Amino acid sequence: MDFAFTEEHEELRQTVRRFLEDKSDEQAVRGLMATDRGYSEELWSQMAEQMALQGMVVPEQYGGNGFGPVELSIVMEEMGRALFCAPYLSTAVFAVNALVLAGSEEAKSELLAPIAAGQSVTTVAYVEDGDWDVASVSMKAEKDGEAYRLTGTKSYVLDGHIADTILVLARAGGELGLFRVEGGADNLKRELLPTLDTTRKLASLEFTGTHATRVDSGGDQTDALAKAVTRTIIALAAEQAGGTRRCLDESTEFAKTRMQFGRAIGSFQAIKHRCADMLVEAEFSKSAAFHAAFRAAESTDEAEVRAAAHIAKSYCSEAFFNTTAETIQVHGGMGFTWEHVAHLFFKRAKSSSTMFGDPVEHREQLATQLGI
């Protein structure tokens, strides 16, 4: 496996970084996180028209760029660095992967092009009772003529309160399938959840005989949808790695300019040790995240990809959280205040750590997979 970035990769990174530095500064983040919608529709359109970011992993025949997990992870890394507020993880990552891997040709043709064009916010609803394992989905889809009816509740749905289209995991005749529900459908109750991290919106969805259409390719889709979750986890790990690096940069820059007793605080041994530990975690995070991304792009062994994803998610989650905590400590009395950006990264780190399973769960799954 050639685990190395090309010139094109680095150019993509710099282009996305410049765009986000211009569009997603701290003031913009604070403004968006205070709204229920959580993102700028104007910026969402600009991303599609000027940068084609929503179509990163949408195949070319459906209006996208046809890139892979590595390129997507580069974009996610930069979004994590900028604390970007938009339904990108839900739409351009999770929903696209679910459709590409499990969707029917008709569904791909109909749903992927609007996503790539920035005309649709689409999400995936599958978590029930806090269990992030796809195989644990129990919601039933009851046949109703050519359509289906869904009854039950889905939790922690990314951007579920604003999504134009919701892809719901449910069982029809015992088989796990993918079902499409319109955001404004009758008998669908959508509730924005109160969360620690207000930069990323989560919702609870209650279905009471809600009309749905099946959009998968037929048969049991457990393996395909688990694969989609794995690729979403890898992208999230890259976002965590980007946030970790941003916190390191904020801390080292402050340590070089903050003066105490006539010296920059970065000259004190205690601060040096903190920054050195943060550097190690930032470097290892990036290595873990992109090792998983390259595995997903090049390996034909799904067990190998899944193992790399477990490692990346568990390590990047803890590294991001530890680094944000150290960032607060390095900044001293101002680090924990509302006015400083450190607490925003701290909250994002905590929420990302639990999303799609916490580090302990991923290590347990890895151990089980390895027969330990």
Protein backbone atom coordinates (compact mmCIF):
# COMPACT_ATOMS: atom_id res chain seq x y z
CA MET A 1 0.00 0.00 0.00
CA ASP A 2 1.38 3.39 -1.05
CA PHE A 3 0.55 5.48 2.01
CA ALA A 4 1.66 8.86 0.62
CA PHE A 5 -0.06 12.07 -0.43
CA THR A 6 0.30 13.22 -4.02
CA GLU A 7 0.73 16.79 -5.25
CA GLU A 8 -2.96 16.75 -6.14
CA HIS A 9 -3.82 15.77 -2.58
CA GLU A 10 -1.81 18.65 -1.16
CA GLU A 11 -3.36 21.09 -3.61
CA LEU A 12 -6.81 19.90 -2.59
CA ARG A 13 -5.88 20.39 1.06
CA GLN A 14 -4.66 23.95 0.51
CA THR A 15 -7.63 24.89 -1.65
CA VAL A 16 -10.15 23.65 0.92
CA ARG A 17 -8.19 25.28 3.77
CA ARG A 18 -8.21 28.68 2.05
CA PHE A 19 -11.93 28.39 1.37
CA LEU A 20 -12.74 27.47 4.98
CA GLU A 21 -10.45 30.12 6.45
CA ASP A 22 -12.45 32.67 4.47
CA LYS A 23 -15.91 31.20 5.14
CA SER A 24 -15.67 29.43 8.51
CA ASP A 25 -13.83 31.70 10.93
CA GLU A 26 -14.72 31.74 14.62
CA GLN A 27 -17.31 34.48 14.18
CA ALA A 28 -19.11 32.49 11.48
CA VAL A 29 -19.06 29.33 13.62
CA ARG A 30 -20.50 31.12 16.63
CA GLY A 31 -23.24 32.66 14.52
CA LEU A 32 -24.31 29.37 12.95
CA MET A 33 -24.17 27.26 16.09
CA ALA A 34 -26.66 29.65 17.72
CA THR A 35 -29.29 28.84 15.09
CA ASP A 36 -31.53 25.78 14.97
CA ARG A 37 -30.72 25.23 11.31
CA GLY A 38 -27.00 25.16 12.03
CA TYR A 39 -25.65 26.08 8.62
CA SER A 40 -25.72 28.73 5.88
CA GLU A 41 -27.76 27.76 2.83
CA GLU A 42 -25.86 30.32 0.78
CA LEU A 43 -22.51 28.81 1.76
CA TRP A 44 -23.85 25.30 1.15
CA SER A 45 -24.64 26.32 -2.43
CA GLN A 46 -21.25 27.99 -2.85
CA MET A 47 -19.51 24.80 -1.72
CA ALA A 48 -21.24 22.88 -4.48
CA GLU A 49 -20.94 25.48 -7.23
CA GLN A 50 -17.38 26.68 -6.57
CA MET A 51 -15.71 23.71 -4.84
CA ALA A 52 -17.88 20.68 -5.74
CA LEU A 53 -17.34 19.40 -2.20
CA GLN A 54 -20.71 17.70 -1.77
CA GLY A 55 -19.94 15.46 -4.74
CA MET A 56 -16.51 14.30 -3.61
CA VAL A 57 -17.38 10.59 -3.48
CA VAL A 58 -20.45 10.69 -5.71
CA PRO A 59 -19.63 8.64 -8.83
CA GLU A 60 -19.21 10.69 -11.99
CA GLN A 61 -22.18 9.08 -13.73
CA TYR A 62 -24.42 10.55 -11.03
CA GLY A 63 -23.01 14.07 -11.23
CA GLY A 64 -20.13 13.85 -8.77
CA ASN A 65 -16.34 13.90 -8.79
CA GLY A 66 -15.81 10.17 -8.29
CA PHE A 67 -13.06 10.58 -5.70
CA GLY A 68 -12.39 8.11 -2.90
CA PRO A 69 -11.95 7.89 0.88
CA VAL A 70 -8.53 9.57 0.88
CA GLU A 71 -9.70 12.72 -0.86
CA LEU A 72 -12.83 12.81 1.29
CA SER A 73 -10.72 12.46 4.44
CA ILE A 74 -8.55 15.39 3.36
CA VAL A 75 -11.67 17.55 3.08
CA MET A 76 -12.95 16.30 6.43
CA GLU A 77 -9.59 16.98 8.09
CA GLU A 78 -9.77 20.60 6.97
CA MET A 79 -13.38 20.89 8.09
CA GLY A 80 -12.39 19.59 11.50
CA ARG A 81 -9.62 22.15 11.65
CA ALA A 82 -12.11 24.93 10.87
CA LEU A 83 -14.88 23.55 13.14
CA PHE A 84 -17.08 23.79 10.07
CA CYS A 85 -20.84 24.00 10.64
CA ALA A 86 -22.80 22.31 7.84
CA PRO A 87 -24.65 19.04 7.15
CA TYR A 88 -21.60 17.66 5.36
CA LEU A 89 -21.04 14.53 7.46
CA SER A 90 -24.71 13.59 7.23
CA THR A 91 -25.18 14.34 3.54
CA ALA A 92 -21.95 14.18 1.55
CA VAL A 93 -20.45 11.39 3.65
CA PHE A 94 -23.00 9.11 5.33
CA ALA A 95 -25.94 9.43 2.95
CA VAL A 96 -23.77 9.25 -0.16
CA ASN A 97 -21.95 6.15 1.09
CA ALA A 98 -25.25 4.48 1.99
CA LEU A 99 -26.69 5.16 -1.46
CA VAL A 100 -23.56 4.20 -3.38
CA LEU A 101 -23.08 0.94 -1.47
CA ALA A 102 -26.69 -0.15 -0.93
CA GLY A 103 -28.92 1.93 -3.18
CA SER A 104 -30.71 0.80 -6.31
CA GLU A 105 -29.73 2.30 -9.66
CA GLU A 106 -32.97 4.25 -9.73
CA ALA A 107 -32.33 5.70 -6.28
CA LYS A 108 -28.76 6.63 -7.13
CA SER A 109 -29.86 8.40 -10.29
CA GLU A 110 -32.58 10.30 -8.48
CA LEU A 111 -30.92 11.18 -5.16
CA LEU A 112 -27.17 11.56 -5.72
CA ALA A 113 -27.25 14.33 -8.33
CA PRO A 114 -29.17 16.81 -6.09
CA ILE A 115 -26.71 16.10 -3.27
CA ALA A 116 -23.73 16.78 -5.52
CA ALA A 117 -25.35 19.99 -6.74
CA GLY A 118 -25.92 21.25 -3.20
CA GLN A 119 -29.68 21.14 -3.66
CA SER A 120 -30.49 18.52 -1.04
CA VAL A 121 -29.69 17.86 2.60
CA THR A 122 -29.95 14.12 3.12
CA THR A 123 -29.32 12.09 6.24
CA VAL A 124 -29.37 8.49 7.47
CA ALA A 125 -31.47 7.38 10.44
CA TYR A 126 -30.53 4.07 12.01
CA VAL A 127 -29.66 4.32 15.72
CA GLU A 128 -32.18 2.85 18.14
CA ASP A 129 -31.76 2.85 21.93
CA GLY A 130 -28.24 4.26 21.64
CA ASP A 131 -26.88 1.19 19.81
CA TRP A 132 -24.61 2.14 16.87
CA ASP A 133 -24.44 -1.39 15.46
CA VAL A 134 -26.25 -1.67 12.13
CA ALA A 135 -27.15 -5.30 12.84
CA SER A 136 -29.13 -4.22 15.92
CA VAL A 137 -31.72 -2.26 13.93
CA SER A 138 -35.18 -3.60 14.78
CA MET A 139 -37.60 -1.08 13.23
CA LYS A 140 -40.04 -2.87 10.93
CA ALA A 141 -41.21 -1.71 7.53
CA GLU A 142 -44.75 -2.92 6.89
CA LYS A 143 -45.78 -3.39 3.27
CA ASP A 144 -48.53 -1.03 2.09
CA GLY A 145 -49.22 -1.66 -1.57
CA GLU A 146 -46.13 -0.67 -3.52
CA ALA A 147 -44.85 1.38 -0.57
CA TYR A 148 -44.11 0.78 3.11
CA ARG A 149 -45.09 2.15 6.50
CA LEU A 150 -42.52 2.77 9.23
CA THR A 151 -43.23 2.85 12.95
CA GLY A 152 -40.69 3.53 15.68
CA THR A 153 -38.08 6.03 16.81
CA LYS A 154 -34.59 6.85 15.56
CA SER A 155 -32.13 8.74 17.75
CA TYR A 156 -29.05 10.89 17.21
CA VAL A 157 -29.89 11.52 13.57
CA LEU A 158 -27.39 13.96 12.08
CA ASP A 159 -29.29 17.05 10.86
CA GLY A 160 -32.49 15.03 10.98
CA HIS A 161 -34.60 18.05 11.90
CA ILE A 162 -33.82 19.88 8.63
CA ALA A 163 -33.10 17.08 6.15
CA ASP A 164 -34.99 17.19 2.87
CA THR A 165 -34.64 13.42 2.53
CA ILE A 166 -34.17 10.81 5.26
CA LEU A 167 -32.74 7.36 4.50
CA VAL A 168 -34.10 5.03 7.17
CA LEU A 169 -32.73 1.61 8.07
CA ALA A 170 -35.55 -0.82 8.79
CA ARG A 171 -36.41 -4.49 8.39
CA ALA A 172 -38.83 -5.82 5.80
CA GLY A 173 -39.55 -9.50 6.20
CA GLY A 174 -36.48 -9.84 8.41
CA GLU A 175 -34.14 -8.30 5.84
CA LEU A 176 -32.42 -5.01 6.60
CA GLY A 177 -33.26 -2.45 3.95
CA LEU A 178 -32.88 1.24 3.13
CA PHE A 179 -36.06 3.32 2.94
CA ARG A 180 -36.65 6.86 1.76
CA VAL A 181 -38.83 9.25 3.74
CA GLU A 182 -39.41 12.87 2.79
CA GLY A 183 -38.52 15.39 5.47
CA GLY A 184 -42.00 16.89 5.42
CA ALA A 185 -43.87 13.57 5.41
CA ASP A 186 -47.07 13.10 7.36
CA ASN A 187 -46.84 11.07 10.58
CA LEU A 188 -43.20 12.06 11.05
CA LYS A 189 -42.23 14.00 14.15
CA ARG A 190 -38.79 15.63 14.12
CA GLU A 191 -37.26 17.07 17.27
CA LEU A 192 -33.95 18.91 17.59
CA LEU A 193 -32.07 17.44 20.54
CA PRO A 194 -30.30 19.57 23.17
CA THR A 195 -26.62 18.71 22.89
CA LEU A 196 -23.31 19.67 24.43
CA ASP A 197 -21.87 20.47 21.00
CA THR A 198 -24.12 23.01 19.30
CA THR A 199 -21.89 23.14 16.21
CA ARG A 200 -23.31 19.77 15.11
CA LYS A 201 -27.06 19.23 15.21
CA LEU A 202 -28.72 15.94 16.18
CA ALA A 203 -32.39 15.07 16.08
CA SER A 204 -34.84 12.46 17.27
CA LEU A 205 -37.30 11.16 14.67
CA GLU A 206 -40.59 9.47 15.53
CA PHE A 207 -42.34 7.48 12.80
CA THR A 208 -46.01 6.54 13.26
CA GLY A 209 -47.05 4.68 10.16
CA THR A 210 -44.96 7.02 8.04
CA HIS A 211 -45.03 6.49 4.28
CA ALA A 212 -41.70 5.25 2.85
CA THR A 213 -40.31 3.81 -0.36
CA ARG A 214 -37.60 1.18 -0.52
CA VAL A 215 -34.48 2.46 -2.28
CA ASP A 216 -31.93 -0.33 -1.85
CA SER A 217 -30.87 -2.87 -4.47
CA GLY A 218 -32.86 -5.72 -2.90
CA GLY A 219 -32.10 -8.45 -0.40
CA ASP A 220 -30.53 -8.02 3.01
CA GLN A 221 -28.33 -4.91 3.08
CA THR A 222 -26.65 -5.43 6.47
CA ASP A 223 -23.15 -5.86 5.02
CA ALA A 224 -23.46 -2.96 2.57
CA LEU A 225 -24.82 -0.58 5.19
CA ALA A 226 -22.20 -1.65 7.75
CA LYS A 227 -19.61 -0.85 5.10
CA ALA A 228 -21.17 2.62 4.67
CA VAL A 229 -20.95 3.19 8.42
CA THR A 230 -17.29 2.11 8.42
CA ARG A 231 -16.44 4.66 5.72
CA THR A 232 -18.32 7.36 7.61
CA ILE A 233 -16.33 6.52 10.76
CA ILE A 234 -13.08 6.85 8.79
CA ALA A 235 -14.13 10.30 7.56
CA LEU A 236 -15.08 11.34 11.09
CA ALA A 237 -11.66 10.20 12.37
CA ALA A 238 -10.02 12.48 9.79
CA GLU A 239 -12.17 15.36 11.03
CA GLN A 240 -11.03 14.62 14.59
CA ALA A 241 -7.39 14.60 13.43
CA GLY A 242 -7.90 18.03 11.87
CA GLY A 243 -9.36 19.40 15.09
CA THR A 244 -6.47 17.93 17.08
CA ARG A 245 -3.93 19.68 14.88
CA ARG A 246 -5.78 23.00 15.12
CA CYS A 247 -5.72 22.82 18.93
CA LEU A 248 -1.98 22.07 18.86
CA ASP A 249 -1.39 25.07 16.60
CA GLU A 250 -3.49 27.35 18.82
CA SER A 251 -1.56 26.21 21.91
CA THR A 252 1.94 26.53 20.47
CA GLU A 253 1.22 29.96 19.00
CA PHE A 254 -0.12 31.16 22.36
CA ALA A 255 2.85 29.67 24.20
CA LYS A 256 5.23 31.62 21.99
CA THR A 257 3.51 34.98 22.53
CA ARG A 258 2.13 34.85 26.08
CA MET A 259 4.65 36.39 28.50
CA GLN A 260 5.04 35.59 32.20
CA PHE A 261 7.90 36.69 34.46
CA GLY A 262 9.55 38.29 31.45
CA ARG A 263 9.57 35.09 29.40
CA ALA A 264 7.31 33.40 26.88
CA ILE A 265 5.41 30.64 28.69
CA GLY A 266 6.55 28.22 26.00
CA SER A 267 10.02 28.37 27.54
CA PHE A 268 8.76 26.75 30.75
CA GLN A 269 9.30 23.01 30.99
CA ALA A 270 5.72 22.20 31.99
CA ILE A 271 4.35 23.92 28.88
CA LYS A 272 6.99 22.32 26.66
CA HIS A 273 5.97 18.88 27.89
CA ARG A 274 2.27 19.57 27.26
CA CYS A 275 2.93 20.81 23.73
CA ALA A 276 5.24 17.88 22.99
CA ASP A 277 2.57 15.39 24.10
CA MET A 278 0.00 17.21 21.97
CA LEU A 279 2.30 17.02 18.94
CA VAL A 280 2.66 13.27 19.35
CA GLU A 281 -1.11 12.82 19.56
CA ALA A 282 -1.69 15.08 16.53
CA GLU A 283 0.81 13.16 14.40
CA PHE A 284 -0.46 9.75 15.47
CA SER A 285 -4.06 10.85 14.88
CA LYS A 286 -3.35 11.83 11.31
CA SER A 287 -1.45 8.59 10.73
CA ALA A 288 -4.29 6.48 12.13
CA ALA A 289 -7.00 8.35 10.23
CA PHE A 290 -5.28 8.27 6.87
CA HIS A 291 -4.05 4.71 7.30
CA ALA A 292 -7.74 3.80 7.51
CA ALA A 293 -8.60 6.01 4.53
CA PHE A 294 -5.90 4.45 2.35
CA ARG A 295 -7.04 0.98 3.44
CA ALA A 296 -10.60 1.81 2.43
CA ALA A 297 -9.38 3.12 -0.92
CA GLU A 298 -7.08 0.24 -1.83
CA SER A 299 -7.86 -2.89 0.16
CA THR A 300 -10.29 -5.56 -1.02
CA ASP A 301 -10.42 -7.10 2.46
CA GLU A 302 -13.32 -5.46 4.31
CA ALA A 303 -12.22 -6.97 7.64
CA GLU A 304 -8.90 -5.17 7.21
CA VAL A 305 -10.67 -1.87 6.52
CA ARG A 306 -12.96 -2.36 9.49
CA ALA A 307 -10.02 -3.03 11.80
CA ALA A 308 -8.26 0.14 10.60
CA ALA A 309 -11.47 2.12 11.19
CA HIS A 310 -11.75 0.81 14.77
CA ILE A 311 -8.14 1.84 15.47
CA ALA A 312 -8.60 5.26 13.90
CA LYS A 313 -11.86 6.06 15.69
CA SER A 314 -10.64 4.94 19.11
CA TYR A 315 -7.29 6.72 18.90
CA CYS A 316 -8.48 9.91 17.21
CA SER A 317 -11.37 10.28 19.67
CA GLU A 318 -9.11 10.15 22.71
CA ALA A 319 -6.35 12.24 21.13
CA PHE A 320 -8.78 14.99 20.13
CA PHE A 321 -10.37 15.12 23.57
CA ASN A 322 -7.01 15.08 25.38
CA THR A 323 -5.61 17.80 23.16
CA THR A 324 -8.59 20.09 23.65
CA ALA A 325 -8.28 19.65 27.41
CA GLU A 326 -4.56 20.49 27.25
CA THR A 327 -5.32 23.51 25.06
CA ILE A 328 -7.55 24.88 27.79
CA GLN A 329 -4.79 24.34 30.35
CA VAL A 330 -2.12 26.03 28.21
CA HIS A 331 -4.34 29.06 27.78
CA GLY A 332 -4.78 29.30 31.56
CA GLY A 333 -7.49 31.54 33.00
CA MET A 334 -8.84 32.54 29.59
CA GLY A 335 -8.92 29.02 28.16
CA PHE A 336 -12.19 27.95 29.77
CA THR A 337 -14.12 31.17 29.11
CA TRP A 338 -17.03 31.44 26.68
CA GLU A 339 -15.12 34.03 24.67
CA HIS A 340 -12.26 31.68 23.82
CA VAL A 341 -12.54 29.15 20.98
CA ALA A 342 -11.03 26.29 23.00
CA HIS A 343 -14.34 25.27 24.58
CA LEU A 344 -15.93 24.88 21.16
CA PHE A 345 -13.31 22.32 20.17
CA PHE A 346 -13.61 20.65 23.58
CA LYS A 347 -17.36 20.13 23.05
CA ARG A 348 -16.90 18.95 19.47
CA ALA A 349 -14.26 16.48 20.68
CA LYS A 350 -16.60 15.06 23.30
CA SER A 351 -19.55 14.68 20.95
CA SER A 352 -17.44 13.16 18.17
CA SER A 353 -15.96 10.70 20.64
CA THR A 354 -19.35 9.15 21.38
CA MET A 355 -20.72 9.32 17.83
CA PHE A 356 -20.74 5.93 16.03
CA GLY A 357 -19.46 4.34 19.24
CA ASP A 358 -16.99 5.51 21.86
CA PRO A 359 -13.31 4.42 22.00
CA VAL A 360 -14.03 1.54 24.39
CA GLU A 361 -16.67 0.10 22.06
CA HIS A 362 -14.32 0.26 19.09
CA ARG A 363 -11.50 -1.44 20.98
CA GLU A 364 -13.90 -4.15 22.10
CA GLN A 365 -15.06 -4.69 18.51
CA LEU A 366 -11.46 -4.80 17.32
CA ALA A 367 -10.55 -7.33 19.99
CA THR A 368 -13.52 -9.49 19.04
CA GLN A 369 -12.62 -9.29 15.37
CA LEU A 370 -9.02 -10.33 16.13
CA GLY A 371 -10.18 -13.15 18.40
CA ILE A 372 -8.59 -11.68 21.50
